[in-house]
């Protein structure tokens, strides 16, 4: 496992899903699909995504 950071390249919106995928050694597409599927359930998914966008540091170049 690696550090939880948002990558400089490879992120579609903010790089949160790409950073989570890299951290857990999985595909960014899988994380994105899981996130979109979770949007069908009630809950604070958008707030969690925004919080991770603010909290997760940007990867150093």
PDB file of N, CA and C in Angstrom:
ATOM      1  N   UNK A   1       0.837  -1.180   0.000  1.00  0.00           N
ATOM      2  CA  UNK A   1       0.000   0.000   0.000  1.00  0.00           C
ATOM      3  C   UNK A   1       0.886   1.248   0.000  1.00  0.00           C
ATOM      4  N   UNK A   2       0.359   2.294  -0.577  1.00  0.00           N
ATOM      5  CA  UNK A   2       1.082   3.556  -0.649  1.00  0.00           C
ATOM      6  C   UNK A   2       0.357   4.600   0.188  1.00  0.00           C
ATOM      7  N   UNK A   3       0.919   5.790   0.212  1.00  0.00           N
ATOM      8  CA  UNK A   3       0.279   6.880   0.937  1.00  0.00           C
ATOM      9  C   UNK A   3      -1.000   7.301   0.230  1.00  0.00           C
ATOM     10  N   UNK A   4      -1.901   7.873   0.972  1.00  0.00           N
ATOM     11  CA  UNK A   4      -3.169   8.333   0.427  1.00  0.00           C
ATOM     12  C   UNK A   4      -2.985   9.764  -0.068  1.00  0.00           C
ATOM     13  N   UNK A   5      -2.727   9.904  -1.371  1.00  0.00           N
ATOM     14  CA  UNK A   5      -2.547  11.215  -1.997  1.00  0.00           C
ATOM     15  C   UNK A   5      -3.314  11.265  -3.305  1.00  0.00           C
ATOM     16  N   UNK A   6      -3.672  12.474  -3.730  1.00  0.00           N
ATOM     17  CA  UNK A   6      -4.310  12.659  -5.026  1.00  0.00           C
ATOM     18  C   UNK A   6      -3.219  12.797  -6.084  1.00  0.00           C
ATOM     19  N   UNK A   7      -3.246  11.986  -7.129  1.00  0.00           N
ATOM     20  CA  UNK A   7      -2.197  12.045  -8.140  1.00  0.00           C
ATOM     21  C   UNK A   7      -2.282  13.320  -8.977  1.00  0.00           C
ATOM     22  N   UNK A   8      -1.120  13.726  -9.485  1.00  0.00           N
ATOM     23  CA  UNK A   8      -1.067  14.901 -10.346  1.00  0.00           C
ATOM     24  C   UNK A   8      -1.734  14.600 -11.683  1.00  0.00           C
ATOM     25  N   UNK A   9      -1.502  13.389 -12.207  1.00  0.00           N
ATOM     26  CA  UNK A   9      -2.108  12.975 -13.476  1.00  0.00           C
ATOM     27  C   UNK A   9      -2.958  11.724 -13.236  1.00  0.00           C
ATOM     28  N   UNK A  10      -4.026  11.586 -14.027  1.00  0.00           N
ATOM     29  CA  UNK A  10      -4.857  10.393 -13.922  1.00  0.00           C
ATOM     30  C   UNK A  10      -6.175  10.606 -13.217  1.00  0.00           C
ATOM     31  N   UNK A  11      -6.378  11.793 -12.656  1.00  0.00           N
ATOM     32  CA  UNK A  11      -7.647  12.066 -11.995  1.00  0.00           C
ATOM     33  C   UNK A  11      -8.619  12.724 -12.955  1.00  0.00           C
ATOM     34  N   UNK A  12      -9.877  12.344 -12.893  1.00  0.00           N
ATOM     35  CA  UNK A  12     -10.873  12.939 -13.784  1.00  0.00           C
ATOM     36  C   UNK A  12     -11.390  14.274 -13.246  1.00  0.00           C
ATOM     37  N   UNK A  13     -11.837  14.295 -12.018  1.00  0.00           N
ATOM     38  CA  UNK A  13     -12.366  15.541 -11.453  1.00  0.00           C
ATOM     39  C   UNK A  13     -11.357  16.112 -10.457  1.00  0.00           C
ATOM     40  N   UNK A  14     -11.159  15.423  -9.362  1.00  0.00           N
ATOM     41  CA  UNK A  14     -10.238  15.915  -8.345  1.00  0.00           C
ATOM     42  C   UNK A  14      -9.126  14.920  -8.048  1.00  0.00           C
ATOM     43  N   UNK A  15      -9.226  13.709  -8.562  1.00  0.00           N
ATOM     44  CA  UNK A  15      -8.209  12.702  -8.312  1.00  0.00           C
ATOM     45  C   UNK A  15      -8.457  11.868  -7.073  1.00  0.00           C
ATOM     46  N   UNK A  16      -9.605  12.041  -6.444  1.00  0.00           N
ATOM     47  CA  UNK A  16      -9.906  11.297  -5.217  1.00  0.00           C
ATOM     48  C   UNK A  16     -10.016   9.803  -5.500  1.00  0.00           C
ATOM     49  N   UNK A  17     -10.775   9.431  -6.507  1.00  0.00           N
ATOM     50  CA  UNK A  17     -10.952   8.011  -6.835  1.00  0.00           C
ATOM     51  C   UNK A  17      -9.632   7.390  -7.294  1.00  0.00           C
ATOM     52  N   UNK A  18      -8.857   8.132  -8.065  1.00  0.00           N
ATOM     53  CA  UNK A  18      -7.554   7.625  -8.512  1.00  0.00           C
ATOM     54  C   UNK A  18      -6.612   7.436  -7.330  1.00  0.00           C
ATOM     55  N   UNK A  19      -6.641   8.354  -6.377  1.00  0.00           N
ATOM     56  CA  UNK A  19      -5.812   8.224  -5.180  1.00  0.00           C
ATOM     57  C   UNK A  19      -6.218   7.038  -4.318  1.00  0.00           C
ATOM     58  N   UNK A  20      -7.528   6.827  -4.167  1.00  0.00           N
ATOM     59  CA  UNK A  20      -8.014   5.675  -3.400  1.00  0.00           C
ATOM     60  C   UNK A  20      -7.639   4.370  -4.103  1.00  0.00           C
ATOM     61  N   UNK A  21      -7.745   4.358  -5.429  1.00  0.00           N
ATOM     62  CA  UNK A  21      -7.401   3.148  -6.186  1.00  0.00           C
ATOM     63  C   UNK A  21      -5.927   2.822  -6.049  1.00  0.00           C
ATOM     64  N   UNK A  22      -5.089   3.829  -6.113  1.00  0.00           N
ATOM     65  CA  UNK A  22      -3.647   3.596  -5.967  1.00  0.00           C
ATOM     66  C   UNK A  22      -3.321   3.109  -4.554  1.00  0.00           C
ATOM     67  N   UNK A  23      -3.983   3.685  -3.573  1.00  0.00           N
ATOM     68  CA  UNK A  23      -3.743   3.311  -2.168  1.00  0.00           C
ATOM     69  C   UNK A  23      -4.089   1.842  -1.920  1.00  0.00           C
ATOM     70  N   UNK A  24      -5.197   1.369  -2.524  1.00  0.00           N
ATOM     71  CA  UNK A  24      -5.646   0.005  -2.286  1.00  0.00           C
ATOM     72  C   UNK A  24      -5.314  -0.941  -3.431  1.00  0.00           C
ATOM     73  N   UNK A  25      -4.430  -0.514  -4.330  1.00  0.00           N
ATOM     74  CA  UNK A  25      -3.923  -1.344  -5.443  1.00  0.00           C
ATOM     75  C   UNK A  25      -5.048  -1.956  -6.266  1.00  0.00           C
ATOM     76  N   UNK A  26      -5.927  -1.101  -6.739  1.00  0.00           N
ATOM     77  CA  UNK A  26      -7.027  -1.546  -7.582  1.00  0.00           C
ATOM     78  C   UNK A  26      -7.196  -0.573  -8.741  1.00  0.00           C
ATOM     79  N   UNK A  27      -8.148  -0.835  -9.582  1.00  0.00           N
ATOM     80  CA  UNK A  27      -8.381  -0.017 -10.761  1.00  0.00           C
ATOM     81  C   UNK A  27      -9.148   1.256 -10.403  1.00  0.00           C
ATOM     82  N   UNK A  28      -8.716   2.397 -10.937  1.00  0.00           N
ATOM     83  CA  UNK A  28      -9.491   3.624 -10.705  1.00  0.00           C
ATOM     84  C   UNK A  28     -10.902   3.531 -11.273  1.00  0.00           C
ATOM     85  N   UNK A  29     -11.060   2.813 -12.362  1.00  0.00           N
ATOM     86  CA  UNK A  29     -12.391   2.641 -12.956  1.00  0.00           C
ATOM     87  C   UNK A  29     -13.317   1.910 -11.998  1.00  0.00           C
ATOM     88  N   UNK A  30     -12.812   0.900 -11.320  1.00  0.00           N
ATOM     89  CA  UNK A  30     -13.619   0.161 -10.345  1.00  0.00           C
ATOM     90  C   UNK A  30     -14.077   1.084  -9.217  1.00  0.00           C
ATOM     91  N   UNK A  31     -13.184   1.890  -8.709  1.00  0.00           N
ATOM     92  CA  UNK A  31     -13.541   2.816  -7.625  1.00  0.00           C
ATOM     93  C   UNK A  31     -14.583   3.813  -8.108  1.00  0.00           C
ATOM     94  N   UNK A  32     -14.428   4.316  -9.323  1.00  0.00           N
ATOM     95  CA  UNK A  32     -15.388   5.269  -9.878  1.00  0.00           C
ATOM     96  C   UNK A  32     -16.764   4.629 -10.053  1.00  0.00           C
ATOM     97  N   UNK A  33     -16.802   3.400 -10.549  1.00  0.00           N
ATOM     98  CA  UNK A  33     -18.077   2.698 -10.721  1.00  0.00           C
ATOM     99  C   UNK A  33     -18.735   2.447  -9.370  1.00  0.00           C
ATOM    100  N   UNK A  34     -17.954   2.035  -8.384  1.00  0.00           N
ATOM    101  CA  UNK A  34     -18.507   1.816  -7.041  1.00  0.00           C
ATOM    102  C   UNK A  34     -19.056   3.114  -6.457  1.00  0.00           C
ATOM    103  N   UNK A  35     -18.339   4.209  -6.683  1.00  0.00           N
ATOM    104  CA  UNK A  35     -18.820   5.499  -6.187  1.00  0.00           C
ATOM    105  C   UNK A  35     -20.132   5.884  -6.867  1.00  0.00           C
ATOM    106  N   UNK A  36     -20.192   5.728  -8.178  1.00  0.00           N
ATOM    107  CA  UNK A  36     -21.419   6.065  -8.899  1.00  0.00           C
ATOM    108  C   UNK A  36     -22.579   5.154  -8.483  1.00  0.00           C
ATOM    109  N   UNK A  37     -22.307   3.884  -8.253  1.00  0.00           N
ATOM    110  CA  UNK A  37     -23.346   2.962  -7.789  1.00  0.00           C
ATOM    111  C   UNK A  37     -23.822   3.342  -6.387  1.00  0.00           C
ATOM    112  N   UNK A  38     -22.915   3.827  -5.551  1.00  0.00           N
ATOM    113  CA  UNK A  38     -23.306   4.223  -4.195  1.00  0.00           C
ATOM    114  C   UNK A  38     -24.193   5.456  -4.207  1.00  0.00           C
ATOM    115  N   UNK A  39     -24.167   6.219  -5.294  1.00  0.00           N
ATOM    116  CA  UNK A  39     -25.028   7.400  -5.390  1.00  0.00           C
ATOM    117  C   UNK A  39     -26.508   7.025  -5.431  1.00  0.00           C
ATOM    118  N   UNK A  40     -26.806   5.769  -5.751  1.00  0.00           N
ATOM    119  CA  UNK A  40     -28.197   5.312  -5.760  1.00  0.00           C
ATOM    120  C   UNK A  40     -28.732   5.083  -4.352  1.00  0.00           C
ATOM    121  N   UNK A  41     -27.844   4.962  -3.390  1.00  0.00           N
ATOM    122  CA  UNK A  41     -28.229   4.754  -2.001  1.00  0.00           C
ATOM    123  C   UNK A  41     -28.284   6.094  -1.270  1.00  0.00           C
ATOM    124  N   UNK A  42     -29.151   6.198  -0.276  1.00  0.00           N
ATOM    125  CA  UNK A  42     -29.169   7.445   0.495  1.00  0.00           C
ATOM    126  C   UNK A  42     -27.918   7.541   1.372  1.00  0.00           C
ATOM    127  N   UNK A  43     -27.412   8.740   1.509  1.00  0.00           N
ATOM    128  CA  UNK A  43     -26.245   8.940   2.353  1.00  0.00           C
ATOM    129  C   UNK A  43     -25.433  10.141   1.914  1.00  0.00           C
ATOM    130  N   UNK A  44     -24.382  10.415   2.639  1.00  0.00           N
ATOM    131  CA  UNK A  44     -23.576  11.620   2.399  1.00  0.00           C
ATOM    132  C   UNK A  44     -22.394  11.394   1.444  1.00  0.00           C
ATOM    133  N   UNK A  45     -22.599  10.685   0.352  1.00  0.00           N
ATOM    134  CA  UNK A  45     -21.496  10.353  -0.547  1.00  0.00           C
ATOM    135  C   UNK A  45     -20.811  11.604  -1.110  1.00  0.00           C
ATOM    136  N   UNK A  46     -21.578  12.575  -1.531  1.00  0.00           N
ATOM    137  CA  UNK A  46     -21.004  13.799  -2.100  1.00  0.00           C
ATOM    138  C   UNK A  46     -20.192  14.541  -1.044  1.00  0.00           C
ATOM    139  N   UNK A  47     -20.704  14.599   0.177  1.00  0.00           N
ATOM    140  CA  UNK A  47     -19.976  15.285   1.248  1.00  0.00           C
ATOM    141  C   UNK A  47     -18.657  14.580   1.569  1.00  0.00           C
ATOM    142  N   UNK A  48     -18.673  13.249   1.546  1.00  0.00           N
ATOM    143  CA  UNK A  48     -17.447  12.484   1.790  1.00  0.00           C
ATOM    144  C   UNK A  48     -16.439  12.744   0.680  1.00  0.00           C
ATOM    145  N   UNK A  49     -16.914  12.760  -0.580  1.00  0.00           N
ATOM    146  CA  UNK A  49     -16.024  13.036  -1.708  1.00  0.00           C
ATOM    147  C   UNK A  49     -15.405  14.428  -1.579  1.00  0.00           C
ATOM    148  N   UNK A  50     -16.229  15.428  -1.255  1.00  0.00           N
ATOM    149  CA  UNK A  50     -15.716  16.791  -1.092  1.00  0.00           C
ATOM    150  C   UNK A  50     -14.731  16.892   0.065  1.00  0.00           C
ATOM    151  N   UNK A  51     -15.019  16.196   1.161  1.00  0.00           N
ATOM    152  CA  UNK A  51     -14.099  16.202   2.302  1.00  0.00           C
ATOM    153  C   UNK A  51     -12.761  15.569   1.923  1.00  0.00           C
ATOM    154  N   UNK A  52     -12.804  14.454   1.188  1.00  0.00           N
ATOM    155  CA  UNK A  52     -11.557  13.824   0.755  1.00  0.00           C
ATOM    156  C   UNK A  52     -10.794  14.725  -0.203  1.00  0.00           C
ATOM    157  N   UNK A  53     -11.501  15.473  -1.039  1.00  0.00           N
ATOM    158  CA  UNK A  53     -10.872  16.401  -1.970  1.00  0.00           C
ATOM    159  C   UNK A  53     -10.072  17.451  -1.192  1.00  0.00           C
ATOM    160  N   UNK A  54     -10.636  17.917  -0.090  1.00  0.00           N
ATOM    161  CA  UNK A  54      -9.979  18.946   0.718  1.00  0.00           C
ATOM    162  C   UNK A  54      -8.869  18.344   1.586  1.00  0.00           C
ATOM    163  N   UNK A  55      -9.109  17.164   2.163  1.00  0.00           N
ATOM    164  CA  UNK A  55      -8.185  16.575   3.133  1.00  0.00           C
ATOM    165  C   UNK A  55      -6.985  15.895   2.477  1.00  0.00           C
ATOM    166  N   UNK A  56      -7.226  15.182   1.363  1.00  0.00           N
ATOM    167  CA  UNK A  56      -6.140  14.427   0.733  1.00  0.00           C
ATOM    168  C   UNK A  56      -5.114  15.369   0.119  1.00  0.00           C
ATOM    169  N   UNK A  57      -3.847  15.222   0.482  1.00  0.00           N
ATOM    170  CA  UNK A  57      -2.833  16.105  -0.106  1.00  0.00           C
ATOM    171  C   UNK A  57      -2.563  15.747  -1.574  1.00  0.00           C
ATOM    172  N   UNK A  58      -2.102  16.734  -2.318  1.00  0.00           N
ATOM    173  CA  UNK A  58      -1.743  16.546  -3.714  1.00  0.00           C
ATOM    174  C   UNK A  58      -0.379  15.856  -3.771  1.00  0.00           C
ATOM    175  N   UNK A  59      -0.204  14.929  -4.692  1.00  0.00           N
ATOM    176  CA  UNK A  59       1.061  14.220  -4.856  1.00  0.00           C
ATOM    177  C   UNK A  59       2.132  15.203  -5.316  1.00  0.00           C
ATOM    178  N   UNK A  60       3.300  15.065  -4.759  1.00  0.00           N
ATOM    179  CA  UNK A  60       4.411  15.944  -5.154  1.00  0.00           C
ATOM    180  C   UNK A  60       4.937  15.532  -6.501  1.00  0.00           C
ATOM    181  N   UNK A  61       5.261  16.518  -7.306  1.00  0.00           N
ATOM    182  CA  UNK A  61       5.724  16.240  -8.683  1.00  0.00           C
ATOM    183  C   UNK A  61       7.107  15.655  -8.735  1.00  0.00           C
TER     184      UNK A  61
END
